[in-house]
Amino acid sequence: MKLIIDTEDKRNFIIQHITGFDLSKKKWIIECKILSKKRTIDQNRLYWLWLSFLEKETGNEKVDLHEYFKKKYIRQKEKELFNEKK
């Protein structure tokens, strides 16, 4: 079951549904994550079009501009690998 929880009624429905799980016969996995909106295909095309204009104006490649803007405006999650934070 996949449900977007955006009201008190839906949250209460999920709580009620979970309490009815039969734990004697089955194991359950419940996954919750925050819903995040992604760009539409049209928005993505427009974004890359603007990067193409910037590429012509600045001489920088649009892929490099994309990486620059991504690092500048999108908060990166900190990861830890082999006791080193990345």
N, C-alpha and C. Protein backbone atom coordinates (compact mmCIF):
# COMPACT_ATOMS: atom_id res chain seq x y z
N MET A 1 0.85 -1.18 0.00
CA MET A 1 0.00 0.00 0.00
C MET A 1 0.89 1.24 0.00
N LYS A 2 0.57 2.18 -0.82
CA LYS A 2 1.29 3.45 -0.86
C LYS A 2 0.26 4.54 -0.63
N LEU A 3 0.51 5.40 0.34
CA LEU A 3 -0.45 6.44 0.68
C LEU A 3 0.29 7.72 1.02
N ILE A 4 -0.14 8.80 0.43
CA ILE A 4 0.40 10.11 0.78
C ILE A 4 -0.39 10.62 1.98
N ILE A 5 0.31 10.87 3.06
CA ILE A 5 -0.35 11.31 4.28
C ILE A 5 -0.24 12.83 4.36
N ASP A 6 -1.37 13.50 4.12
CA ASP A 6 -1.38 14.95 4.14
C ASP A 6 -2.54 15.50 4.97
N THR A 7 -3.24 14.63 5.66
CA THR A 7 -4.33 15.07 6.52
C THR A 7 -4.33 14.24 7.81
N GLU A 8 -4.99 14.76 8.83
CA GLU A 8 -5.12 14.02 10.09
C GLU A 8 -5.88 12.71 9.87
N ASP A 9 -6.91 12.75 9.03
CA ASP A 9 -7.70 11.54 8.77
C ASP A 9 -6.85 10.43 8.16
N LYS A 10 -5.99 10.77 7.22
CA LYS A 10 -5.13 9.76 6.60
C LYS A 10 -4.12 9.21 7.60
N ARG A 11 -3.58 10.10 8.44
CA ARG A 11 -2.64 9.64 9.46
C ARG A 11 -3.32 8.68 10.42
N ASN A 12 -4.53 9.02 10.85
CA ASN A 12 -5.28 8.15 11.76
C ASN A 12 -5.64 6.83 11.09
N PHE A 13 -5.94 6.87 9.79
CA PHE A 13 -6.23 5.65 9.04
C PHE A 13 -5.03 4.71 9.07
N ILE A 14 -3.85 5.26 8.83
CA ILE A 14 -2.63 4.45 8.83
C ILE A 14 -2.38 3.85 10.21
N ILE A 15 -2.54 4.65 11.25
CA ILE A 15 -2.33 4.14 12.61
C ILE A 15 -3.30 3.01 12.90
N GLN A 16 -4.55 3.19 12.54
CA GLN A 16 -5.55 2.15 12.76
C GLN A 16 -5.22 0.90 11.93
N HIS A 17 -4.78 1.10 10.70
CA HIS A 17 -4.45 -0.02 9.82
C HIS A 17 -3.27 -0.82 10.39
N ILE A 18 -2.24 -0.14 10.88
CA ILE A 18 -1.05 -0.80 11.41
C ILE A 18 -1.40 -1.62 12.65
N THR A 19 -2.25 -1.10 13.50
CA THR A 19 -2.59 -1.83 14.73
C THR A 19 -3.35 -3.12 14.42
N GLY A 20 -3.89 -3.26 13.22
CA GLY A 20 -4.60 -4.47 12.85
C GLY A 20 -3.73 -5.53 12.20
N PHE A 21 -2.43 -5.30 12.09
CA PHE A 21 -1.55 -6.28 11.46
C PHE A 21 -1.49 -7.56 12.30
N ASP A 22 -1.56 -8.71 11.62
CA ASP A 22 -1.43 -10.00 12.28
C ASP A 22 0.05 -10.35 12.37
N LEU A 23 0.64 -10.19 13.55
CA LEU A 23 2.07 -10.41 13.72
C LEU A 23 2.41 -11.87 13.98
N SER A 24 1.42 -12.70 14.22
CA SER A 24 1.71 -14.10 14.52
C SER A 24 2.04 -14.89 13.25
N LYS A 25 1.60 -14.44 12.09
CA LYS A 25 1.80 -15.19 10.86
C LYS A 25 2.73 -14.50 9.86
N LYS A 26 2.82 -13.18 9.93
CA LYS A 26 3.58 -12.45 8.92
C LYS A 26 4.46 -11.40 9.57
N LYS A 27 5.54 -11.08 8.87
CA LYS A 27 6.37 -9.95 9.25
C LYS A 27 6.07 -8.83 8.27
N TRP A 28 6.17 -7.62 8.73
CA TRP A 28 5.81 -6.46 7.92
C TRP A 28 6.98 -5.50 7.81
N ILE A 29 7.07 -4.83 6.68
CA ILE A 29 8.02 -3.74 6.48
C ILE A 29 7.20 -2.48 6.22
N ILE A 30 7.47 -1.45 6.99
CA ILE A 30 6.81 -0.18 6.79
C ILE A 30 7.90 0.84 6.47
N GLU A 31 7.73 1.52 5.37
CA GLU A 31 8.72 2.50 4.94
C GLU A 31 8.06 3.87 4.86
N CYS A 32 8.65 4.84 5.54
CA CYS A 32 8.13 6.20 5.51
C CYS A 32 9.21 7.13 4.99
N LYS A 33 8.83 8.04 4.14
CA LYS A 33 9.77 9.05 3.67
C LYS A 33 9.01 10.32 3.36
N ILE A 34 9.70 11.41 3.42
CA ILE A 34 9.10 12.70 3.13
C ILE A 34 8.93 12.82 1.62
N LEU A 35 7.76 13.21 1.20
CA LEU A 35 7.47 13.38 -0.21
C LEU A 35 8.18 14.63 -0.72
N SER A 36 8.96 14.45 -1.75
CA SER A 36 9.63 15.60 -2.35
C SER A 36 9.23 15.67 -3.82
N LYS A 37 8.99 16.86 -4.26
CA LYS A 37 8.58 17.04 -5.65
C LYS A 37 9.81 17.14 -6.54
N LYS A 38 9.70 16.56 -7.70
CA LYS A 38 10.79 16.62 -8.68
C LYS A 38 10.34 17.48 -9.85
N ARG A 39 11.34 17.93 -10.62
CA ARG A 39 11.01 18.72 -11.80
C ARG A 39 10.25 17.87 -12.80
N THR A 40 9.34 18.52 -13.50
CA THR A 40 8.66 17.85 -14.60
C THR A 40 9.62 17.78 -15.79
N ILE A 41 9.26 17.02 -16.79
CA ILE A 41 10.09 16.91 -17.99
C ILE A 41 10.22 18.28 -18.67
N ASP A 42 9.12 19.02 -18.73
CA ASP A 42 9.17 20.36 -19.33
C ASP A 42 10.05 21.31 -18.52
N GLN A 43 9.97 21.22 -17.20
CA GLN A 43 10.83 22.06 -16.36
C GLN A 43 12.29 21.70 -16.56
N ASN A 44 12.55 20.41 -16.69
CA ASN A 44 13.92 19.96 -16.90
C ASN A 44 14.47 20.44 -18.24
N ARG A 45 13.64 20.38 -19.27
CA ARG A 45 14.06 20.89 -20.60
C ARG A 45 14.37 22.38 -20.54
N LEU A 46 13.53 23.13 -19.85
CA LEU A 46 13.75 24.56 -19.73
C LEU A 46 15.06 24.86 -18.97
N TYR A 47 15.28 24.11 -17.90
CA TYR A 47 16.51 24.27 -17.11
C TYR A 47 17.74 24.07 -18.00
N TRP A 48 17.74 22.98 -18.79
CA TRP A 48 18.90 22.71 -19.64
C TRP A 48 18.99 23.70 -20.80
N LEU A 49 17.89 24.25 -21.23
CA LEU A 49 17.91 25.31 -22.25
C LEU A 49 18.61 26.55 -21.70
N TRP A 50 18.25 26.92 -20.45
CA TRP A 50 18.90 28.06 -19.82
C TRP A 50 20.40 27.80 -19.65
N LEU A 51 20.75 26.57 -19.30
CA LEU A 51 22.17 26.24 -19.18
C LEU A 51 22.88 26.36 -20.52
N SER A 52 22.18 26.03 -21.61
CA SER A 52 22.77 26.19 -22.94
C SER A 52 23.05 27.66 -23.25
N PHE A 53 22.10 28.54 -22.89
CA PHE A 53 22.32 29.98 -23.08
C PHE A 53 23.50 30.47 -22.25
N LEU A 54 23.57 30.01 -21.00
CA LEU A 54 24.69 30.40 -20.13
C LEU A 54 26.01 29.86 -20.67
N GLU A 55 25.98 28.68 -21.25
CA GLU A 55 27.19 28.10 -21.84
C GLU A 55 27.73 29.01 -22.94
N LYS A 56 26.83 29.50 -23.81
CA LYS A 56 27.24 30.38 -24.90
C LYS A 56 27.76 31.71 -24.39
N GLU A 57 27.12 32.23 -23.33
CA GLU A 57 27.52 33.54 -22.79
C GLU A 57 28.82 33.49 -21.99
N THR A 58 29.01 32.39 -21.26
CA THR A 58 30.15 32.34 -20.33
C THR A 58 31.33 31.53 -20.85
N GLY A 59 31.07 30.63 -21.81
CA GLY A 59 32.14 29.76 -22.29
C GLY A 59 32.32 28.52 -21.43
N ASN A 60 31.57 28.42 -20.36
CA ASN A 60 31.62 27.23 -19.51
C ASN A 60 30.66 26.18 -20.05
N GLU A 61 31.04 24.90 -19.95
CA GLU A 61 30.16 23.85 -20.43
C GLU A 61 28.94 23.71 -19.52
N LYS A 62 27.79 23.39 -20.15
CA LYS A 62 26.55 23.34 -19.38
C LYS A 62 26.59 22.27 -18.29
N VAL A 63 27.30 21.18 -18.50
CA VAL A 63 27.42 20.15 -17.47
C VAL A 63 28.19 20.70 -16.27
N ASP A 64 29.23 21.50 -16.54
CA ASP A 64 29.99 22.12 -15.45
C ASP A 64 29.12 23.16 -14.72
N LEU A 65 28.34 23.92 -15.47
CA LEU A 65 27.42 24.88 -14.85
C LEU A 65 26.40 24.16 -13.97
N HIS A 66 25.89 23.04 -14.46
CA HIS A 66 24.94 22.24 -13.69
C HIS A 66 25.57 21.81 -12.37
N GLU A 67 26.78 21.30 -12.41
CA GLU A 67 27.48 20.86 -11.19
C GLU A 67 27.71 22.04 -10.25
N TYR A 68 28.07 23.19 -10.80
CA TYR A 68 28.28 24.39 -9.99
C TYR A 68 27.00 24.79 -9.25
N PHE A 69 25.90 24.89 -10.00
CA PHE A 69 24.63 25.30 -9.38
C PHE A 69 24.12 24.25 -8.39
N LYS A 70 24.36 22.99 -8.71
CA LYS A 70 23.94 21.92 -7.80
C LYS A 70 24.67 22.06 -6.46
N LYS A 71 25.97 22.27 -6.51
CA LYS A 71 26.74 22.41 -5.26
C LYS A 71 26.39 23.69 -4.52
N LYS A 72 26.09 24.75 -5.28
CA LYS A 72 25.80 26.04 -4.66
C LYS A 72 24.42 26.08 -4.00
N TYR A 73 23.42 25.46 -4.63
CA TYR A 73 22.04 25.65 -4.17
C TYR A 73 21.36 24.41 -3.58
N ILE A 74 21.94 23.25 -3.74
CA ILE A 74 21.30 22.05 -3.20
C ILE A 74 22.14 21.55 -2.03
N ARG A 75 21.49 21.45 -0.89
CA ARG A 75 22.18 20.98 0.31
C ARG A 75 22.53 19.51 0.14
N GLN A 76 23.79 19.19 0.30
CA GLN A 76 24.25 17.82 0.15
C GLN A 76 24.17 17.08 1.49
N LYS A 77 23.76 15.84 1.43
CA LYS A 77 23.72 15.02 2.63
C LYS A 77 25.14 14.59 2.97
N GLU A 78 25.48 14.70 4.23
CA GLU A 78 26.81 14.29 4.65
C GLU A 78 26.83 12.78 4.82
N LYS A 79 27.82 12.14 4.23
CA LYS A 79 27.95 10.69 4.31
C LYS A 79 29.22 10.34 5.06
N GLU A 80 29.19 9.20 5.71
CA GLU A 80 30.38 8.73 6.40
C GLU A 80 30.76 7.38 5.82
N LEU A 81 31.98 7.30 5.28
CA LEU A 81 32.51 6.07 4.72
C LEU A 81 33.87 5.80 5.35
N PHE A 82 34.04 4.63 5.91
CA PHE A 82 35.30 4.25 6.54
C PHE A 82 35.75 5.30 7.57
N ASN A 83 34.80 5.73 8.38
CA ASN A 83 35.03 6.71 9.45
C ASN A 83 35.47 8.07 8.93
N GLU A 84 35.26 8.34 7.65
CA GLU A 84 35.56 9.65 7.09
C GLU A 84 34.26 10.28 6.61
N LYS A 85 34.06 11.55 6.97
CA LYS A 85 32.86 12.25 6.53
C LYS A 85 33.10 12.84 5.15
N LYS A 86 32.14 12.62 4.28
CA LYS A 86 32.25 13.12 2.90
C LYS A 86 31.12 14.08 2.64
